[in-house]
PDB file of N, CA and C in Angstrom:
ATOM      1  N   MET A   1    -132.768-151.895  32.506  1.00  0.00           N
ATOM      2  CA  MET A   1    -131.965-150.987  31.716  1.00  0.00           C
ATOM      3  C   MET A   1    -130.680-151.729  31.302  1.00  0.00           C
ATOM      4  N   THR A   2    -130.310-151.570  30.068  1.00  0.00           N
ATOM      5  CA  THR A   2    -129.086-152.228  29.601  1.00  0.00           C
ATOM      6  C   THR A   2    -127.864-151.442  30.055  1.00  0.00           C
ATOM      7  N   GLU A   3    -126.715-152.078  29.921  1.00  0.00           N
ATOM      8  CA  GLU A   3    -125.460-151.412  30.288  1.00  0.00           C
ATOM      9  C   GLU A   3    -125.251-150.152  29.456  1.00  0.00           C
ATOM     10  N   ASN A   4    -125.513-150.210  28.173  1.00  0.00           N
ATOM     11  CA  ASN A   4    -125.367-149.035  27.300  1.00  0.00           C
ATOM     12  C   ASN A   4    -126.321-147.922  27.689  1.00  0.00           C
ATOM     13  N   GLU A   5    -127.540-148.288  28.069  1.00  0.00           N
ATOM     14  CA  GLU A   5    -128.511-147.277  28.497  1.00  0.00           C
ATOM     15  C   GLU A   5    -128.056-146.610  29.798  1.00  0.00           C
ATOM     16  N   LEU A   6    -127.497-147.403  30.700  1.00  0.00           N
ATOM     17  CA  LEU A   6    -126.975-146.833  31.951  1.00  0.00           C
ATOM     18  C   LEU A   6    -125.848-145.842  31.675  1.00  0.00           C
ATOM     19  N   VAL A   7    -124.919-146.231  30.808  1.00  0.00           N
ATOM     20  CA  VAL A   7    -123.795-145.350  30.469  1.00  0.00           C
ATOM     21  C   VAL A   7    -124.305-144.098  29.774  1.00  0.00           C
ATOM     22  N   ASP A   8    -125.257-144.245  28.858  1.00  0.00           N
ATOM     23  CA  ASP A   8    -125.833-143.075  28.176  1.00  0.00           C
ATOM     24  C   ASP A   8    -126.535-142.142  29.164  1.00  0.00           C
ATOM     25  N   ALA A   9    -127.274-142.722  30.117  1.00  0.00           N
ATOM     26  CA  ALA A   9    -127.953-141.906  31.137  1.00  0.00           C
ATOM     27  C   ALA A   9    -126.937-141.151  31.981  1.00  0.00           C
ATOM     28  N   TRP A  10    -125.860-141.843  32.376  1.00  0.00           N
ATOM     29  CA  TRP A  10    -124.802-141.218  33.168  1.00  0.00           C
ATOM     30  C   TRP A  10    -124.173-140.064  32.410  1.00  0.00           C
ATOM     31  N   ARG A  11    -123.825-140.293  31.167  1.00  0.00           N
ATOM     32  CA  ARG A  11    -123.192-139.244  30.361  1.00  0.00           C
ATOM     33  C   ARG A  11    -124.143-138.079  30.116  1.00  0.00           C
ATOM     34  N   GLY A  12    -125.419-138.379  29.958  1.00  0.00           N
ATOM     35  CA  GLY A  12    -126.410-137.306  29.810  1.00  0.00           C
ATOM     36  C   GLY A  12    -126.499-136.446  31.056  1.00  0.00           C
ATOM     37  N   LEU A  13    -126.484-137.108  32.212  1.00  0.00           N
ATOM     38  CA  LEU A  13    -126.510-136.391  33.494  1.00  0.00           C
ATOM     39  C   LEU A  13    -125.279-135.512  33.649  1.00  0.00           C
ATOM     40  N   LEU A  14    -124.103-136.063  33.335  1.00  0.00           N
ATOM     41  CA  LEU A  14    -122.871-135.281  33.431  1.00  0.00           C
ATOM     42  C   LEU A  14    -122.891-134.083  32.494  1.00  0.00           C
ATOM     43  N   GLY A  15    -123.377-134.300  31.272  1.00  0.00           N
ATOM     44  CA  GLY A  15    -123.445-133.202  30.306  1.00  0.00           C
ATOM     45  C   GLY A  15    -124.371-132.091  30.764  1.00  0.00           C
ATOM     46  N   ARG A  16    -125.514-132.462  31.315  1.00  0.00           N
ATOM     47  CA  ARG A  16    -126.474-131.461  31.801  1.00  0.00           C
ATOM     48  C   ARG A  16    -125.902-130.705  33.001  1.00  0.00           C
ATOM     49  N   TYR A  17    -125.258-131.443  33.890  1.00  0.00           N
ATOM     50  CA  TYR A  17    -124.617-130.816  35.044  1.00  0.00           C
ATOM     51  C   TYR A  17    -123.556-129.813  34.584  1.00  0.00           C
ATOM     52  N   HIS A  18    -122.693-130.243  33.687  1.00  0.00           N
ATOM     53  CA  HIS A  18    -121.605-129.388  33.217  1.00  0.00           C
ATOM     54  C   HIS A  18    -122.152-128.128  32.537  1.00  0.00           C
ATOM     55  N   ALA A  19    -123.125-128.285  31.678  1.00  0.00           N
ATOM     56  CA  ALA A  19    -123.700-127.130  30.981  1.00  0.00           C
ATOM     57  C   ALA A  19    -124.341-126.157  31.973  1.00  0.00           C
ATOM     58  N   THR A  20    -125.040-126.693  32.955  1.00  0.00           N
ATOM     59  CA  THR A  20    -125.702-125.845  33.953  1.00  0.00           C
ATOM     60  C   THR A  20    -124.664-125.132  34.821  1.00  0.00           C
ATOM     61  N   TRP A  21    -123.642-125.865  35.285  1.00  0.00           N
ATOM     62  CA  TRP A  21    -122.601-125.276  36.132  1.00  0.00           C
ATOM     63  C   TRP A  21    -121.866-124.161  35.395  1.00  0.00           C
ATOM     64  N   CYS A  22    -121.523-124.409  34.127  1.00  0.00           N
ATOM     65  CA  CYS A  22    -120.817-123.387  33.346  1.00  0.00           C
ATOM     66  C   CYS A  22    -121.678-122.153  33.145  1.00  0.00           C
ATOM     67  N   ALA A  23    -122.973-122.351  32.881  1.00  0.00           N
ATOM     68  CA  ALA A  23    -123.880-121.209  32.719  1.00  0.00           C
ATOM     69  C   ALA A  23    -124.000-120.433  34.030  1.00  0.00           C
ATOM     70  N   LEU A  24    -124.120-121.146  35.147  1.00  0.00           N
ATOM     71  CA  LEU A  24    -124.174-120.481  36.452  1.00  0.00           C
ATOM     72  C   LEU A  24    -122.908-119.669  36.703  1.00  0.00           C
ATOM     73  N   ASP A  25    -121.766-120.287  36.482  1.00  0.00           N
ATOM     74  CA  ASP A  25    -120.499-119.619  36.743  1.00  0.00           C
ATOM     75  C   ASP A  25    -120.362-118.353  35.885  1.00  0.00           C
ATOM     76  N   ARG A  26    -120.698-118.451  34.619  1.00  0.00           N
ATOM     77  CA  ARG A  26    -120.583-117.303  33.707  1.00  0.00           C
ATOM     78  C   ARG A  26    -121.514-116.169  34.131  1.00  0.00           C
ATOM     79  N   GLU A  27    -122.788-116.476  34.349  1.00  0.00           N
ATOM     80  CA  GLU A  27    -123.767-115.433  34.686  1.00  0.00           C
ATOM     81  C   GLU A  27    -123.498-114.805  36.047  1.00  0.00           C
ATOM     82  N   LEU A  28    -123.113-115.620  37.024  1.00  0.00           N
ATOM     83  CA  LEU A  28    -122.835-115.082  38.357  1.00  0.00           C
ATOM     84  C   LEU A  28    -121.569-114.232  38.362  1.00  0.00           C
ATOM     85  N   ARG A  29    -120.552-114.636  37.612  1.00  0.00           N
ATOM     86  CA  ARG A  29    -119.322-113.829  37.526  1.00  0.00           C
ATOM     87  C   ARG A  29    -119.581-112.505  36.835  1.00  0.00           C
ATOM     88  N   GLU A  30    -120.258-112.576  35.689  1.00  0.00           N
ATOM     89  CA  GLU A  30    -120.515-111.351  34.920  1.00  0.00           C
ATOM     90  C   GLU A  30    -121.434-110.389  35.660  1.00  0.00           C
ATOM     91  N   GLY A  31    -122.462-110.915  36.295  1.00  0.00           N
ATOM     92  CA  GLY A  31    -123.453-110.048  36.920  1.00  0.00           C
ATOM     93  C   GLY A  31    -123.182-109.666  38.356  1.00  0.00           C
ATOM     94  N   HIS A  32    -122.409-110.500  39.062  1.00  0.00           N
ATOM     95  CA  HIS A  32    -122.311-110.283  40.513  1.00  0.00           C
ATOM     96  C   HIS A  32    -120.912-110.467  41.085  1.00  0.00           C
ATOM     97  N   GLY A  33    -119.946-110.787  40.246  1.00  0.00           N
ATOM     98  CA  GLY A  33    -118.580-110.966  40.723  1.00  0.00           C
ATOM     99  C   GLY A  33    -118.393-112.171  41.624  1.00  0.00           C
ATOM    100  N   LEU A  34    -119.234-113.189  41.444  1.00  0.00           N
ATOM    101  CA  LEU A  34    -119.152-114.413  42.237  1.00  0.00           C
ATOM    102  C   LEU A  34    -119.027-115.612  41.313  1.00  0.00           C
ATOM    103  N   GLY A  35    -118.179-116.555  41.671  1.00  0.00           N
ATOM    104  CA  GLY A  35    -118.159-117.818  40.956  1.00  0.00           C
ATOM    105  C   GLY A  35    -119.292-118.689  41.456  1.00  0.00           C
ATOM    106  N   ALA A  36    -119.576-119.752  40.730  1.00  0.00           N
ATOM    107  CA  ALA A  36    -120.654-120.653  41.124  1.00  0.00           C
ATOM    108  C   ALA A  36    -120.378-121.289  42.484  1.00  0.00           C
ATOM    109  N   SER A  37    -119.141-121.676  42.748  1.00  0.00           N
ATOM    110  CA  SER A  37    -118.793-122.271  44.046  1.00  0.00           C
ATOM    111  C   SER A  37    -118.971-121.263  45.170  1.00  0.00           C
ATOM    112  N   GLU A  38    -118.572-120.033  44.928  1.00  0.00           N
ATOM    113  CA  GLU A  38    -118.732-118.989  45.941  1.00  0.00           C
ATOM    114  C   GLU A  38    -120.217-118.761  46.243  1.00  0.00           C
ATOM    115  N   PHE A  39    -121.023-118.721  45.183  1.00  0.00           N
ATOM    116  CA  PHE A  39    -122.460-118.541  45.405  1.00  0.00           C
ATOM    117  C   PHE A  39    -123.030-119.705  46.205  1.00  0.00           C
ATOM    118  N   GLU A  40    -122.626-120.944  45.888  1.00  0.00           N
ATOM    119  CA  GLU A  40    -123.142-122.112  46.606  1.00  0.00           C
ATOM    120  C   GLU A  40    -122.840-122.022  48.097  1.00  0.00           C
ATOM    121  N   VAL A  41    -121.651-121.557  48.449  1.00  0.00           N
ATOM    122  CA  VAL A  41    -121.311-121.399  49.865  1.00  0.00           C
ATOM    123  C   VAL A  41    -122.197-120.338  50.499  1.00  0.00           C
ATOM    124  N   LEU A  42    -122.361-119.198  49.837  1.00  0.00           N
ATOM    125  CA  LEU A  42    -123.241-118.150  50.370  1.00  0.00           C
ATOM    126  C   LEU A  42    -124.674-118.665  50.500  1.00  0.00           C
ATOM    127  N   ASP A  43    -125.128-119.414  49.505  1.00  0.00           N
ATOM    128  CA  ASP A  43    -126.493-119.938  49.507  1.00  0.00           C
ATOM    129  C   ASP A  43    -126.703-120.888  50.689  1.00  0.00           C
ATOM    130  N   GLN A  44    -125.750-121.766  50.923  1.00  0.00           N
ATOM    131  CA  GLN A  44    -125.861-122.694  52.056  1.00  0.00           C
ATOM    132  C   GLN A  44    -125.845-121.943  53.382  1.00  0.00           C
ATOM    133  N   LEU A  45    -124.993-120.944  53.497  1.00  0.00           N
ATOM    134  CA  LEU A  45    -124.947-120.150  54.733  1.00  0.00           C
ATOM    135  C   LEU A  45    -126.248-119.390  54.941  1.00  0.00           C
ATOM    136  N   THR A  46    -126.816-118.859  53.877  1.00  0.00           N
ATOM    137  CA  THR A  46    -128.078-118.129  53.982  1.00  0.00           C
ATOM    138  C   THR A  46    -129.190-119.043  54.457  1.00  0.00           C
ATOM    139  N   GLU A  47    -129.261-120.241  53.897  1.00  0.00           N
ATOM    140  CA  GLU A  47    -130.314-121.179  54.276  1.00  0.00           C
ATOM    141  C   GLU A  47    -130.140-121.682  55.696  1.00  0.00           C
ATOM    142  N   SER A  48    -128.913-121.880  56.137  1.00  0.00           N
ATOM    143  CA  SER A  48    -128.680-122.428  57.476  1.00  0.00           C
ATOM    144  C   SER A  48    -128.797-121.366  58.552  1.00  0.00           C
ATOM    145  N   CYS A  49    -128.633-120.108  58.191  1.00  0.00           N
ATOM    146  CA  CYS A  49    -128.562-119.051  59.197  1.00  0.00           C
ATOM    147  C   CYS A  49    -129.897-118.735  59.850  1.00  0.00           C
ATOM    148  N   CYS A  50    -130.965-119.366  59.381  1.00  0.00           N
ATOM    149  CA  CYS A  50    -132.251-119.142  60.038  1.00  0.00           C
ATOM    150  C   CYS A  50    -132.248-119.702  61.460  1.00  0.00           C
ATOM    151  N   ASP A  51    -131.574-120.838  61.656  1.00  0.00           N
ATOM    152  CA  ASP A  51    -131.550-121.436  62.988  1.00  0.00           C
ATOM    153  C   ASP A  51    -130.181-121.359  63.657  1.00  0.00           C
ATOM    154  N   LYS A  52    -129.140-121.040  62.880  1.00  0.00           N
ATOM    155  CA  LYS A  52    -127.791-120.916  63.438  1.00  0.00           C
ATOM    156  C   LYS A  52    -127.130-119.692  62.812  1.00  0.00           C
ATOM    157  N   PRO A  53    -126.422-118.902  63.606  1.00  0.00           N
ATOM    158  CA  PRO A  53    -125.768-117.725  63.028  1.00  0.00           C
ATOM    159  C   PRO A  53    -124.556-118.075  62.162  1.00  0.00           C
ATOM    160  N   ALA A  54    -123.975-119.262  62.371  1.00  0.00           N
ATOM    161  CA  ALA A  54    -122.775-119.656  61.626  1.00  0.00           C
ATOM    162  C   ALA A  54    -122.760-121.173  61.472  1.00  0.00           C
ATOM    163  N   LEU A  55    -121.966-121.632  60.527  1.00  0.00           N
ATOM    164  CA  LEU A  55    -121.797-123.070  60.307  1.00  0.00           C
ATOM    165  C   LEU A  55    -120.342-123.448  60.495  1.00  0.00           C
ATOM    166  N   ARG A  56    -120.109-124.626  61.055  1.00  0.00           N
ATOM    167  CA  ARG A  56    -118.747-125.146  61.101  1.00  0.00           C
ATOM    168  C   ARG A  56    -118.339-125.507  59.682  1.00  0.00           C
ATOM    169  N   MET A  57    -117.060-125.335  59.379  1.00  0.00           N
ATOM    170  CA  MET A  57    -116.552-125.692  58.053  1.00  0.00           C
ATOM    171  C   MET A  57    -116.908-127.132  57.721  1.00  0.00           C
ATOM    172  N   GLN A  58    -116.838-128.008  58.691  1.00  0.00           N
ATOM    173  CA  GLN A  58    -117.140-129.419  58.470  1.00  0.00           C
ATOM    174  C   GLN A  58    -118.591-129.599  58.016  1.00  0.00           C
ATOM    175  N   GLU A  59    -119.534-128.894  58.642  1.00  0.00           N
ATOM    176  CA  GLU A  59    -120.938-128.956  58.244  1.00  0.00           C
ATOM    177  C   GLU A  59    -121.128-128.377  56.847  1.00  0.00           C
ATOM    178  N   LEU A  60    -120.488-127.252  56.601  1.00  0.00           N
ATOM    179  CA  LEU A  60    -120.577-126.603  55.300  1.00  0.00           C
ATOM    180  C   LEU A  60    -120.042-127.520  54.204  1.00  0.00           C
ATOM    181  N   GLY A  61    -118.954-128.208  54.501  1.00  0.00           N
ATOM    182  CA  GLY A  61    -118.362-129.123  53.535  1.00  0.00           C
ATOM    183  C   GLY A  61    -119.292-130.252  53.138  1.00  0.00           C
ATOM    184  N   LYS A  62    -120.159-130.667  54.033  1.00  0.00           N
ATOM    185  CA  LYS A  62    -121.121-131.732  53.726  1.00  0.00           C
ATOM    186  C   LYS A  62    -122.224-131.251  52.794  1.00  0.00           C
ATOM    187  N   SER A  63    -122.476-129.960  52.776  1.00  0.00           N
ATOM    188  CA  SER A  63    -123.600-129.444  51.993  1.00  0.00           C
ATOM    189  C   SER A  63    -123.203-128.866  50.628  1.00  0.00           C
ATOM    190  N   VAL A  64    -121.925-128.665  50.388  1.00  0.00           N
ATOM    191  CA  VAL A  64    -121.476-128.184  49.076  1.00  0.00           C
ATOM    192  C   VAL A  64    -120.611-129.265  48.433  1.00  0.00           C
ATOM    193  N   GLN A  65    -120.597-129.301  47.152  1.00  0.00           N
ATOM    194  CA  GLN A  65    -119.874-130.350  46.428  1.00  0.00           C
ATOM    195  C   GLN A  65    -118.438-129.919  46.143  1.00  0.00           C
ATOM    196  N   LEU A  66    -117.677-129.694  47.211  1.00  0.00           N
ATOM    197  CA  LEU A  66    -116.287-129.263  47.104  1.00  0.00           C
ATOM    198  C   LEU A  66    -115.425-130.094  48.042  1.00  0.00           C
ATOM    199  N   SER A  67    -114.187-130.325  47.647  1.00  0.00           N
ATOM    200  CA  SER A  67    -113.247-130.970  48.557  1.00  0.00           C
ATOM    201  C   SER A  67    -112.974-130.004  49.713  1.00  0.00           C
ATOM    202  N   GLN A  68    -112.420-130.517  50.790  1.00  0.00           N
ATOM    203  CA  GLN A  68    -112.119-129.670  51.949  1.00  0.00           C
ATOM    204  C   GLN A  68    -111.153-128.553  51.576  1.00  0.00           C
ATOM    205  N   SER A  69    -110.135-128.861  50.768  1.00  0.00           N
ATOM    206  CA  SER A  69    -109.168-127.825  50.388  1.00  0.00           C
ATOM    207  C   SER A  69    -109.805-126.793  49.461  1.00  0.00           C
ATOM    208  N   ALA A  70    -110.659-127.234  48.540  1.00  0.00           N
ATOM    209  CA  ALA A  70    -111.342-126.279  47.650  1.00  0.00           C
ATOM    210  C   ALA A  70    -112.282-125.391  48.460  1.00  0.00           C
ATOM    211  N   LEU A  71    -112.991-125.977  49.414  1.00  0.00           N
ATOM    212  CA  LEU A  71    -113.880-125.191  50.269  1.00  0.00           C
ATOM    213  C   LEU A  71    -113.083-124.157  51.053  1.00  0.00           C
ATOM    214  N   SER A  72    -111.929-124.533  51.579  1.00  0.00           N
ATOM    215  CA  SER A  72    -111.088-123.582  52.314  1.00  0.00           C
ATOM    216  C   SER A  72    -110.679-122.410  51.430  1.00  0.00           C
ATOM    217  N   ARG A  73    -110.331-122.692  50.182  1.00  0.00           N
ATOM    218  CA  ARG A  73    -109.949-121.613  49.258  1.00  0.00           C
ATOM    219  C   ARG A  73    -111.134-120.702  48.943  1.00  0.00           C
ATOM    220  N   VAL A  74    -112.312-121.289  48.735  1.00  0.00           N
ATOM    221  CA  VAL A  74    -113.510-120.490  48.448  1.00  0.00           C
ATOM    222  C   VAL A  74    -113.836-119.598  49.638  1.00  0.00           C
ATOM    223  N   VAL A  75    -113.815-120.163  50.836  1.00  0.00           N
ATOM    224  CA  VAL A  75    -114.125-119.375  52.044  1.00  0.00           C
ATOM    225  C   VAL A  75    -113.082-118.274  52.233  1.00  0.00           C
ATOM    226  N   ALA A  76    -111.827-118.562  51.948  1.00  0.00           N
ATOM    227  CA  ALA A  76    -110.780-117.530  52.060  1.00  0.00           C
ATOM    228  C   ALA A  76    -111.054-116.385  51.086  1.00  0.00           C
ATOM    229  N   ARG A  77    -111.464-116.690  49.866  1.00  0.00           N
ATOM    230  CA  ARG A  77    -111.796-115.628  48.897  1.00  0.00           C
ATOM    231  C   ARG A  77    -112.993-114.815  49.369  1.00  0.00           C
ATOM    232  N   LEU A  78    -114.014-115.499  49.870  1.00  0.00           N
ATOM    233  CA  LEU A  78    -115.204-114.795  50.367  1.00  0.00           C
ATOM    234  C   LEU A  78    -114.852-113.914  51.564  1.00  0.00           C
ATOM    235  N   GLU A  79    -113.973-114.393  52.418  1.00  0.00           N
ATOM    236  CA  GLU A  79    -113.546-113.602  53.571  1.00  0.00           C
ATOM    237  C   GLU A  79    -112.746-112.380  53.115  1.00  0.00           C
ATOM    238  N   ALA A  80    -111.866-112.562  52.157  1.00  0.00           N
ATOM    239  CA  ALA A  80    -111.068-111.441  51.636  1.00  0.00           C
ATOM    240  C   ALA A  80    -111.968-110.374  51.003  1.00  0.00           C
ATOM    241  N   ASP A  81    -113.087-110.803  50.437  1.00  0.00           N
ATOM    242  CA  ASP A  81    -114.039-109.865  49.828  1.00  0.00           C
ATOM    243  C   ASP A  81    -115.019-109.283  50.848  1.00  0.00           C
ATOM    244  N   GLY A  82    -114.902-109.696  52.116  1.00  0.00           N
ATOM    245  CA  GLY A  82    -115.771-109.158  53.162  1.00  0.00           C
ATOM    246  C   GLY A  82    -117.161-109.767  53.185  1.00  0.00           C
ATOM    247  N   LEU A  83    -117.345-110.935  52.568  1.00  0.00           N
ATOM    248  CA  LEU A  83    -118.674-111.550  52.486  1.00  0.00           C
ATOM    249  C   LEU A  83    -118.948-112.557  53.596  1.00  0.00           C
ATOM    250  N   VAL A  84    -117.879-113.081  54.203  1.00  0.00           N
ATOM    251  CA  VAL A  84    -118.012-113.990  55.347  1.00  0.00           C
ATOM    252  C   VAL A  84    -116.899-113.673  56.339  1.00  0.00           C
ATOM    253  N   THR A  85    -117.081-114.166  57.551  1.00  0.00           N
ATOM    254  CA  THR A  85    -116.013-114.126  58.553  1.00  0.00           C
ATOM    255  C   THR A  85    -115.780-115.555  59.024  1.00  0.00           C
ATOM    256  N   ARG A  86    -114.562-115.805  59.481  1.00  0.00           N
ATOM    257  CA  ARG A  86    -114.216-117.108  60.063  1.00  0.00           C
ATOM    258  C   ARG A  86    -113.779-116.883  61.501  1.00  0.00           C
ATOM    259  N   ALA A  87    -114.124-117.826  62.349  1.00  0.00           N
ATOM    260  CA  ALA A  87    -113.715-117.743  63.758  1.00  0.00           C
ATOM    261  C   ALA A  87    -113.485-119.144  64.294  1.00  0.00           C
ATOM    262  N   LEU A  88    -112.521-119.270  65.198  1.00  0.00           N
ATOM    263  CA  LEU A  88    -112.265-120.548  65.853  1.00  0.00           C
ATOM    264  C   LEU A  88    -113.390-120.854  66.827  1.00  0.00           C
ATOM    265  N   CYS A  89    -113.727-122.115  66.938  1.00  0.00           N
ATOM    266  CA  CYS A  89    -114.719-122.576  67.899  1.00  0.00           C
ATOM    267  C   CYS A  89    -114.137-122.428  69.306  1.00  0.00           C
ATOM    268  N   ALA A  90    -114.879-121.826  70.210  1.00  0.00           N
ATOM    269  CA  ALA A  90    -114.393-121.608  71.573  1.00  0.00           C
ATOM    270  C   ALA A  90    -114.217-122.922  72.328  1.00  0.00           C
ATOM    271  N   ASP A  91    -115.077-123.901  72.055  1.00  0.00           N
ATOM    272  CA  ASP A  91    -115.027-125.182  72.765  1.00  0.00           C
ATOM    273  C   ASP A  91    -114.015-126.154  72.167  1.00  0.00           C
ATOM    274  N   ASP A  92    -113.806-126.057  70.862  1.00  0.00           N
ATOM    275  CA  ASP A  92    -112.925-126.989  70.159  1.00  0.00           C
ATOM    276  C   ASP A  92    -112.055-126.171  69.214  1.00  0.00           C
ATOM    277  N   ARG A  93    -110.841-125.881  69.598  1.00  0.00           N
ATOM    278  CA  ARG A  93    -109.965-124.978  68.837  1.00  0.00           C
ATOM    279  C   ARG A  93    -109.659-125.486  67.428  1.00  0.00           C
ATOM    280  N   ARG A  94    -109.995-126.748  67.142  1.00  0.00           N
ATOM    281  CA  ARG A  94    -109.784-127.268  65.791  1.00  0.00           C
ATOM    282  C   ARG A  94    -110.912-126.856  64.859  1.00  0.00           C
ATOM    283  N   GLY A  95    -112.075-126.535  65.430  1.00  0.00           N
ATOM    284  CA  GLY A  95    -113.248-126.188  64.631  1.00  0.00           C
ATOM    285  C   GLY A  95    -113.220-124.739  64.193  1.00  0.00           C
ATOM    286  N   ILE A  96    -113.657-124.502  62.976  1.00  0.00           N
ATOM    287  CA  ILE A  96    -113.744-123.146  62.435  1.00  0.00           C
ATOM    288  C   ILE A  96    -115.181-122.890  62.016  1.00  0.00           C
ATOM    289  N   TYR A  97    -115.712-121.765  62.447  1.00  0.00           N
ATOM    290  CA  TYR A  97    -117.062-121.356  62.069  1.00  0.00           C
ATOM    291  C   TYR A  97    -116.984-120.325  60.952  1.00  0.00           C
ATOM    292  N   VAL A  98    -117.950-120.404  60.043  1.00  0.00           N
ATOM    293  CA  VAL A  98    -118.069-119.444  58.943  1.00  0.00           C
ATOM    294  C   VAL A  98    -119.422-118.763  59.100  1.00  0.00           C
ATOM    295  N   GLU A  99    -119.412-117.436  58.998  1.00  0.00           N
ATOM    296  CA  GLU A  99    -120.644-116.658  59.159  1.00  0.00           C
ATOM    297  C   GLU A  99    -120.737-115.611  58.065  1.00  0.00           C
ATOM    298  N   LEU A 100    -121.949-115.402  57.559  1.00  0.00           N
ATOM    299  CA  LEU A 100    -122.185-114.355  56.571  1.00  0.00           C
ATOM    300  C   LEU A 100    -122.061-112.978  57.210  1.00  0.00           C
ATOM    301  N   THR A 101    -121.524-112.048  56.461  1.00  0.00           N
ATOM    302  CA  THR A 101    -121.548-110.648  56.878  1.00  0.00           C
ATOM    303  C   THR A 101    -122.788-110.008  56.248  1.00  0.00           C
ATOM    304  N   GLU A 102    -123.082-108.797  56.637  1.00  0.00           N
ATOM    305  CA  GLU A 102    -124.209-108.084  56.011  1.00  0.00           C
ATOM    306  C   GLU A 102    -123.952-107.900  54.513  1.00  0.00           C
ATOM    307  N   GLU A 103    -122.702-107.617  54.160  1.00  0.00           N
ATOM    308  CA  GLU A 103    -122.352-107.487  52.747  1.00  0.00           C
ATOM    309  C   GLU A 103    -122.555-108.814  52.016  1.00  0.00           C
ATOM    310  N   GLY A 104    -122.243-109.922  52.675  1.00  0.00           N
ATOM    311  CA  GLY A 104    -122.460-111.245  52.100  1.00  0.00           C
ATOM    312  C   GLY A 104    -123.933-111.525  51.870  1.00  0.00           C
ATOM    313  N   ARG A 105    -124.759-111.146  52.830  1.00  0.00           N
ATOM    314  CA  ARG A 105    -126.215-111.310  52.671  1.00  0.00           C
ATOM    315  C   ARG A 105    -126.731-110.484  51.498  1.00  0.00           C
ATOM    316  N   ALA A 106    -126.243-109.261  51.403  1.00  0.00           N
ATOM    317  CA  ALA A 106    -126.691-108.384  50.314  1.00  0.00           C
ATOM    318  C   ALA A 106    -126.250-108.920  48.954  1.00  0.00           C
ATOM    319  N   ARG A 107    -125.007-109.382  48.850  1.00  0.00           N
ATOM    320  CA  ARG A 107    -124.506-109.923  47.576  1.00  0.00           C
ATOM    321  C   ARG A 107    -125.289-111.166  47.192  1.00  0.00           C
ATOM    322  N   HIS A 108    -125.557-112.021  48.174  1.00  0.00           N
ATOM    323  CA  HIS A 108    -126.351-113.223  47.908  1.00  0.00           C
ATOM    324  C   HIS A 108    -127.750-112.841  47.423  1.00  0.00           C
ATOM    325  N   ALA A 109    -128.383-111.903  48.107  1.00  0.00           N
ATOM    326  CA  ALA A 109    -129.739-111.492  47.727  1.00  0.00           C
ATOM    327  C   ALA A 109    -129.775-110.938  46.303  1.00  0.00           C
ATOM    328  N   ALA A 110    -128.738-110.203  45.926  1.00  0.00           N
ATOM    329  CA  ALA A 110    -128.688-109.650  44.570  1.00  0.00           C
ATOM    330  C   ALA A 110    -128.456-110.742  43.529  1.00  0.00           C
ATOM    331  N   ALA A 111    -127.665-111.760  43.873  1.00  0.00           N
ATOM    332  CA  ALA A 111    -127.299-112.810  42.917  1.00  0.00           C
ATOM    333  C   ALA A 111    -128.316-113.939  42.838  1.00  0.00           C
ATOM    334  N   ALA A 112    -129.112-114.146  43.867  1.00  0.00           N
ATOM    335  CA  ALA A 112    -130.042-115.282  43.906  1.00  0.00           C
ATOM    336  C   ALA A 112    -131.006-115.315  42.716  1.00  0.00           C
ATOM    337  N   PRO A 113    -131.603-114.191  42.309  1.00  0.00           N
ATOM    338  CA  PRO A 113    -132.494-114.265  41.143  1.00  0.00           C
ATOM    339  C   PRO A 113    -131.768-114.721  39.864  1.00  0.00           C
ATOM    340  N   THR A 114    -130.522-114.316  39.693  1.00  0.00           N
ATOM    341  CA  THR A 114    -129.740-114.776  38.541  1.00  0.00           C
ATOM    342  C   THR A 114    -129.523-116.279  38.631  1.00  0.00           C
ATOM    343  N   HIS A 115    -129.142-116.751  39.793  1.00  0.00           N
ATOM    344  CA  HIS A 115    -128.922-118.180  40.022  1.00  0.00           C
ATOM    345  C   HIS A 115    -130.181-118.976  39.703  1.00  0.00           C
ATOM    346  N   ARG A 116    -131.307-118.557  40.249  1.00  0.00           N
ATOM    347  CA  ARG A 116    -132.563-119.279  40.046  1.00  0.00           C
ATOM    348  C   ARG A 116    -133.006-119.215  38.582  1.00  0.00           C
ATOM    349  N   SER A 117    -132.758-118.102  37.932  1.00  0.00           N
ATOM    350  CA  SER A 117    -133.103-117.961  36.511  1.00  0.00           C
ATOM    351  C   SER A 117    -132.307-118.930  35.638  1.00  0.00           C
ATOM    352  N   VAL A 118    -130.997-119.043  35.906  1.00  0.00           N
ATOM    353  CA  VAL A 118    -130.160-119.980  35.152  1.00  0.00           C
ATOM    354  C   VAL A 118    -130.614-121.408  35.411  1.00  0.00           C
ATOM    355  N   LEU A 119    -130.936-121.728  36.663  1.00  0.00           N
ATOM    356  CA  LEU A 119    -131.423-123.080  36.972  1.00  0.00           C
ATOM    357  C   LEU A 119    -132.715-123.364  36.214  1.00  0.00           C
ATOM    358  N   ALA A 120    -133.637-122.412  36.211  1.00  0.00           N
ATOM    359  CA  ALA A 120    -134.905-122.605  35.505  1.00  0.00           C
ATOM    360  C   ALA A 120    -134.673-122.812  34.011  1.00  0.00           C
ATOM    361  N   ALA A 121    -133.770-122.032  33.437  1.00  0.00           N
ATOM    362  CA  ALA A 121    -133.501-122.139  31.996  1.00  0.00           C
ATOM    363  C   ALA A 121    -132.842-123.467  31.633  1.00  0.00           C
ATOM    364  N   ASN A 122    -132.035-123.995  32.519  1.00  0.00           N
ATOM    365  CA  ASN A 122    -131.266-125.200  32.209  1.00  0.00           C
ATOM    366  C   ASN A 122    -131.910-126.494  32.710  1.00  0.00           C
ATOM    367  N   LEU A 123    -132.763-126.410  33.693  1.00  0.00           N
ATOM    368  CA  LEU A 123    -133.307-127.620  34.282  1.00  0.00           C
ATOM    369  C   LEU A 123    -134.803-127.806  34.072  1.00  0.00           C
ATOM    370  N   ALA A 124    -135.466-126.804  33.539  1.00  0.00           N
ATOM    371  CA  ALA A 124    -136.925-126.903  33.334  1.00  0.00           C
ATOM    372  C   ALA A 124    -137.250-127.810  32.162  1.00  0.00           C
TER     373      ALA A 124
END
């Protein structure tokens, strides 16, 4: 692959990502009152909760594409909306666990078909 082809491929990837992210954010906000980042956090918590009731913020940060400070702000918004709870780790007071509430599970379940539909429309 030439240098120009590599740059074109990179820019194409960025453009597709941006278009998909914007479509996700718009549809999730309009239909479910969630931003794309908020949905991603709920989605990761839903998937992980099969074997663990909660995730440490550090683990969650590895699975979502957000800086630590952005993740903290997203989790704070979700907590204020009653969709997650945060608790200090009993063994390590520096660790914070994030857990879905029943309302968070319900909101995620309602929004997931919209999320998957936008992904199918943009990535198929």
